[in-house]
Protein backbone atom coordinates (compact mmCIF):
# COMPACT_ATOMS: atom_id res chain seq x y z
CA MET A 1 -131.16 -72.62 101.39
CA HIS A 2 -133.28 -75.70 99.19
CA VAL A 3 -133.00 -74.86 95.50
CA VAL A 4 -135.61 -75.95 93.05
CA ILE A 5 -135.40 -76.26 88.95
CA TYR A 6 -137.59 -75.54 86.37
CA ALA A 7 -136.16 -75.89 83.22
CA PRO A 8 -138.42 -77.58 80.16
CA ALA A 9 -134.78 -79.42 78.44
CA THR A 10 -134.15 -82.61 80.60
CA LEU A 11 -130.04 -81.57 79.94
CA HIS A 12 -130.37 -78.21 81.19
CA ARG A 13 -132.52 -79.77 84.26
CA GLU A 14 -129.77 -82.76 84.78
CA ALA A 15 -126.52 -80.22 84.35
CA TRP A 16 -127.94 -77.80 86.65
CA GLN A 17 -128.18 -80.34 89.23
CA ALA A 18 -125.21 -81.95 88.72
CA LEU A 19 -123.55 -78.32 88.98
CA LEU A 20 -125.73 -76.95 91.74
CA ASN A 21 -124.89 -80.19 94.20
CA ALA A 22 -121.49 -79.41 94.34
CA GLN A 23 -122.17 -76.08 95.80
CA PRO A 24 -121.86 -75.35 99.72
CA ASP A 25 -124.83 -73.92 101.65
CA ILE A 26 -127.19 -75.44 98.46
CA VAL A 27 -129.45 -78.43 98.66
CA VAL A 28 -130.78 -79.44 94.91
CA ALA A 29 -134.94 -80.44 95.82
CA GLY A 30 -135.42 -81.47 92.74
CA ALA A 31 -136.03 -79.84 88.87
CA THR A 32 -138.93 -80.28 87.06
CA ALA A 33 -140.73 -79.00 83.61
CA GLU A 34 -144.00 -78.67 85.33
CA ILE A 35 -144.80 -75.80 87.14
CA ASP A 36 -147.65 -77.94 89.03
CA GLY A 37 -145.42 -79.90 90.31
CA LEU A 38 -142.68 -77.11 92.00
CA THR A 39 -144.32 -77.40 95.45
CA ARG A 40 -143.60 -81.32 95.71
CA LEU A 41 -140.15 -80.83 95.86
CA SER A 42 -138.88 -78.96 98.84
CA ALA A 43 -139.06 -79.31 102.22
CA ASP A 44 -142.44 -77.22 104.06
CA ARG A 45 -141.26 -74.29 105.24
CA ALA A 46 -137.86 -74.65 104.09
CA PRO A 47 -136.62 -71.89 102.32
CA THR A 48 -136.69 -72.33 98.97
CA ALA A 49 -135.40 -70.44 95.42
CA VAL A 50 -136.61 -72.00 91.87
CA LEU A 51 -133.80 -71.21 89.24
CA VAL A 52 -135.67 -70.51 86.13
CA ASP A 53 -134.08 -71.60 82.68
CA VAL A 54 -135.95 -70.89 79.92
CA ILE A 55 -135.16 -70.37 76.10
CA ALA A 56 -136.47 -66.78 76.17
CA PRO A 57 -137.65 -65.29 79.63
CA ASP A 58 -141.15 -65.52 79.81
CA PRO A 59 -143.39 -63.41 82.62
CA ASP A 60 -146.59 -65.50 82.67
CA ILE A 61 -143.67 -68.27 83.48
CA VAL A 62 -142.62 -66.06 86.69
CA ARG A 63 -146.46 -65.49 87.26
CA ARG A 64 -147.53 -69.01 87.50
CA ILE A 65 -144.81 -69.94 89.55
CA ARG A 66 -145.24 -67.22 92.25
CA GLY A 67 -148.92 -68.26 92.27
CA ALA A 68 -148.20 -71.88 92.92
CA ALA A 69 -144.88 -71.10 95.20
CA PRO A 70 -145.55 -67.50 96.78
CA ASP A 71 -143.52 -67.62 99.92
CA TRP A 72 -140.07 -68.92 97.58
CA GLY A 73 -137.84 -66.69 95.53
CA VAL A 74 -137.21 -67.03 91.97
CA LEU A 75 -134.33 -66.66 90.14
CA VAL A 76 -134.64 -66.16 86.26
CA LEU A 77 -131.68 -66.68 84.29
CA VAL A 78 -131.42 -64.19 81.15
CA PRO A 79 -129.06 -63.45 78.22
CA ALA A 80 -128.31 -59.69 79.13
CA TYR A 81 -128.68 -57.63 81.95
CA ASP A 82 -131.51 -55.75 79.50
CA LEU A 83 -133.49 -52.84 81.29
CA PRO A 84 -136.76 -53.65 79.53
CA LEU A 85 -136.62 -57.36 80.44
CA ILE A 86 -135.88 -56.37 83.78
CA ILE A 87 -138.39 -54.18 84.39
CA GLU A 88 -140.66 -56.40 82.70
CA MET A 89 -139.64 -59.30 85.10
CA LEU A 90 -140.12 -57.34 88.47
CA GLN A 91 -143.22 -56.41 87.74
CA ALA A 92 -144.26 -60.17 87.25
CA GLY A 93 -142.81 -61.22 90.66
CA VAL A 94 -139.50 -61.85 90.13
CA THR A 95 -137.21 -61.50 93.17
CA GLY A 96 -133.81 -62.07 90.82
CA ILE A 97 -132.25 -61.89 87.76
CA ILE A 98 -128.72 -62.93 86.70
CA ALA A 99 -127.66 -63.20 83.19
CA ARG A 100 -125.76 -66.49 81.33
CA ASP A 101 -122.21 -65.33 81.72
CA GLU A 102 -122.06 -64.92 85.44
CA THR A 103 -119.64 -67.35 87.85
CA VAL A 104 -121.21 -70.04 89.28
CA GLY A 105 -119.99 -68.16 92.72
CA ASN A 106 -122.33 -65.22 91.80
CA LEU A 107 -125.97 -67.95 91.02
CA SER A 108 -124.37 -69.86 94.52
CA ARG A 109 -125.01 -66.46 96.40
CA ALA A 110 -127.92 -65.21 93.91
CA LEU A 111 -129.92 -68.28 94.75
CA ILE A 112 -128.95 -68.04 98.46
CA ALA A 113 -130.37 -64.54 98.17
CA ALA A 114 -133.43 -65.04 96.11
CA GLY A 115 -134.13 -67.66 98.65
CA ARG A 116 -134.10 -65.45 101.29
CA GLY A 117 -136.10 -62.79 99.68
CA GLU A 118 -133.87 -60.47 98.58
CA VAL A 119 -134.09 -58.93 95.41
CA VAL A 120 -131.32 -59.72 93.07
CA LEU A 121 -130.56 -57.03 90.68
CA PRO A 122 -126.91 -56.06 89.14
CA PRO A 123 -126.26 -53.19 90.71
CA ALA A 124 -124.93 -50.92 87.37
CA ILE A 125 -129.09 -51.57 86.74
CA ALA A 126 -130.99 -51.55 90.03
CA GLY A 127 -131.38 -47.61 90.52
CA LYS A 128 -132.92 -47.60 87.42
CA ALA A 129 -135.01 -50.63 87.15
CA LEU A 130 -136.50 -49.77 90.83
CA SER A 131 -137.11 -45.87 90.11
CA VAL A 132 -138.96 -46.85 86.40
CA LEU A 133 -141.63 -49.02 88.69
CA ALA A 134 -141.53 -46.43 91.05
CA ARG A 135 -142.87 -43.75 89.15
CA GLY A 136 -145.76 -45.96 88.38
CA GLY A 137 -146.00 -48.65 91.27
CA PRO A 138 -148.77 -49.20 93.84
CA VAL A 139 -146.49 -48.50 96.73
CA GLU A 140 -148.18 -45.15 98.41
CA GLY A 141 -148.72 -43.70 101.95
CA GLY A 142 -146.61 -42.23 104.31
CA LEU A 143 -144.45 -43.57 107.54
CA VAL A 144 -146.55 -45.38 110.32
CA GLU A 145 -143.72 -44.85 112.55
CA PRO A 146 -140.65 -42.39 112.01
CA LEU A 147 -137.56 -44.31 110.93
CA SER A 148 -134.33 -44.41 113.22
CA GLU A 149 -131.32 -43.36 112.09
CA ARG A 150 -129.84 -47.14 111.49
CA GLU A 151 -133.34 -47.81 110.16
CA THR A 152 -132.80 -45.21 107.62
CA GLU A 153 -129.16 -46.61 106.66
CA VAL A 154 -130.79 -50.32 105.89
CA LEU A 155 -133.47 -48.85 103.39
CA ARG A 156 -130.94 -46.65 101.97
CA LEU A 157 -128.53 -49.45 101.42
CA LEU A 158 -131.86 -52.03 100.75
CA ALA A 159 -132.99 -49.50 97.73
CA ARG A 160 -129.46 -49.15 95.92
CA GLY A 161 -129.44 -53.39 95.70
CA SER A 162 -127.17 -54.74 98.73
CA THR A 163 -127.86 -58.11 100.18
CA ASN A 164 -128.95 -58.47 104.11
CA LYS A 165 -124.55 -59.60 103.89
CA ASP A 166 -123.91 -56.61 102.02
CA ILE A 167 -125.88 -54.48 104.83
CA ALA A 168 -124.54 -56.29 107.60
CA GLN A 169 -120.47 -55.72 106.07
CA THR A 170 -121.29 -52.04 105.58
CA LEU A 171 -122.28 -50.99 108.90
CA MET A 172 -120.35 -53.64 110.71
CA LEU A 173 -123.81 -55.38 112.02
CA SER A 174 -123.78 -59.16 112.01
CA VAL A 175 -126.44 -60.47 109.54
CA ARG A 176 -129.39 -61.33 112.21
CA THR A 177 -129.24 -57.84 113.33
CA VAL A 178 -129.91 -56.68 109.70
CA GLU A 179 -132.70 -58.85 109.53
CA ALA A 180 -134.20 -57.57 112.60
CA HIS A 181 -133.90 -53.73 111.50
CA LEU A 182 -135.84 -55.03 108.04
CA ARG A 183 -138.78 -56.17 109.76
CA ASN A 184 -138.73 -53.27 111.84
CA VAL A 185 -138.80 -51.05 108.15
CA TYR A 186 -141.53 -53.10 106.92
CA GLY A 187 -143.58 -52.70 110.13
CA LYS A 188 -142.72 -48.81 109.56
CA LEU A 189 -143.30 -48.32 105.92
CA GLY A 190 -146.54 -50.57 106.01
CA THR A 191 -144.98 -52.57 103.32
CA ARG A 192 -145.44 -56.84 103.13
CA SER A 193 -141.98 -57.37 101.21
CA ARG A 194 -138.19 -56.51 100.47
CA THR A 195 -139.60 -55.17 96.90
CA GLU A 196 -142.38 -52.99 98.09
CA ALA A 197 -139.87 -51.56 100.42
CA VAL A 198 -137.08 -50.85 97.77
CA LEU A 199 -140.18 -49.32 95.70
CA TRP A 200 -141.22 -46.88 98.46
CA ALA A 201 -137.72 -46.03 99.27
CA VAL A 202 -137.13 -45.22 95.73
CA ARG A 203 -140.36 -43.10 95.36
CA HIS A 204 -139.68 -41.20 98.40
CA GLY A 205 -136.26 -40.07 97.42
CA TYR A 206 -134.08 -42.23 99.87
CA VAL A 207 -131.79 -43.02 96.81
CA THR A 208 -132.21 -42.02 93.27
CA ALA A 209 -130.83 -43.44 89.77
CA GLU A 210 -127.42 -42.42 88.42
């Protein structure tokens, strides 16, 4: 997974590069303080996640990054898992949120998941955040085609915040098979992204917030 670091502070950029370069399955493609220069840092079409490290998480920054690199995952560091902040970031188009007191291993896994387009949220708050979004979100419509039993299971796990790897382990499938099921689910729901599919599932009662 290619990772690009966005951080205004030079020391922060250099520290993240040194730390993440030592992690397996991650290639640090570069670091910058300029959003306009992000897309020059990663190879064309390589799955990429942007790690955003700013003093105060800003939805405007997320929107600008999404505008510059719409196909990349965006993972934002936050001081704590605060529901209103998470909702604000999701509305801006963030792929994932991770607290600063998480472990390096969790950060690496979150970056890899975000680069794959997976929604990265703490399980304890994911259902509540997505339910709030679903009540006011734009995702509507019925099924284009009925879901199979397996696709329904995959959708339910997806809506609970599970990664593709989590879903594969729970259902005893390969990750590639899960990805194939998800493509079918998106097509049958008429959704264009993982987040839209999750919001559709929450809105239509496939999962409820605890």
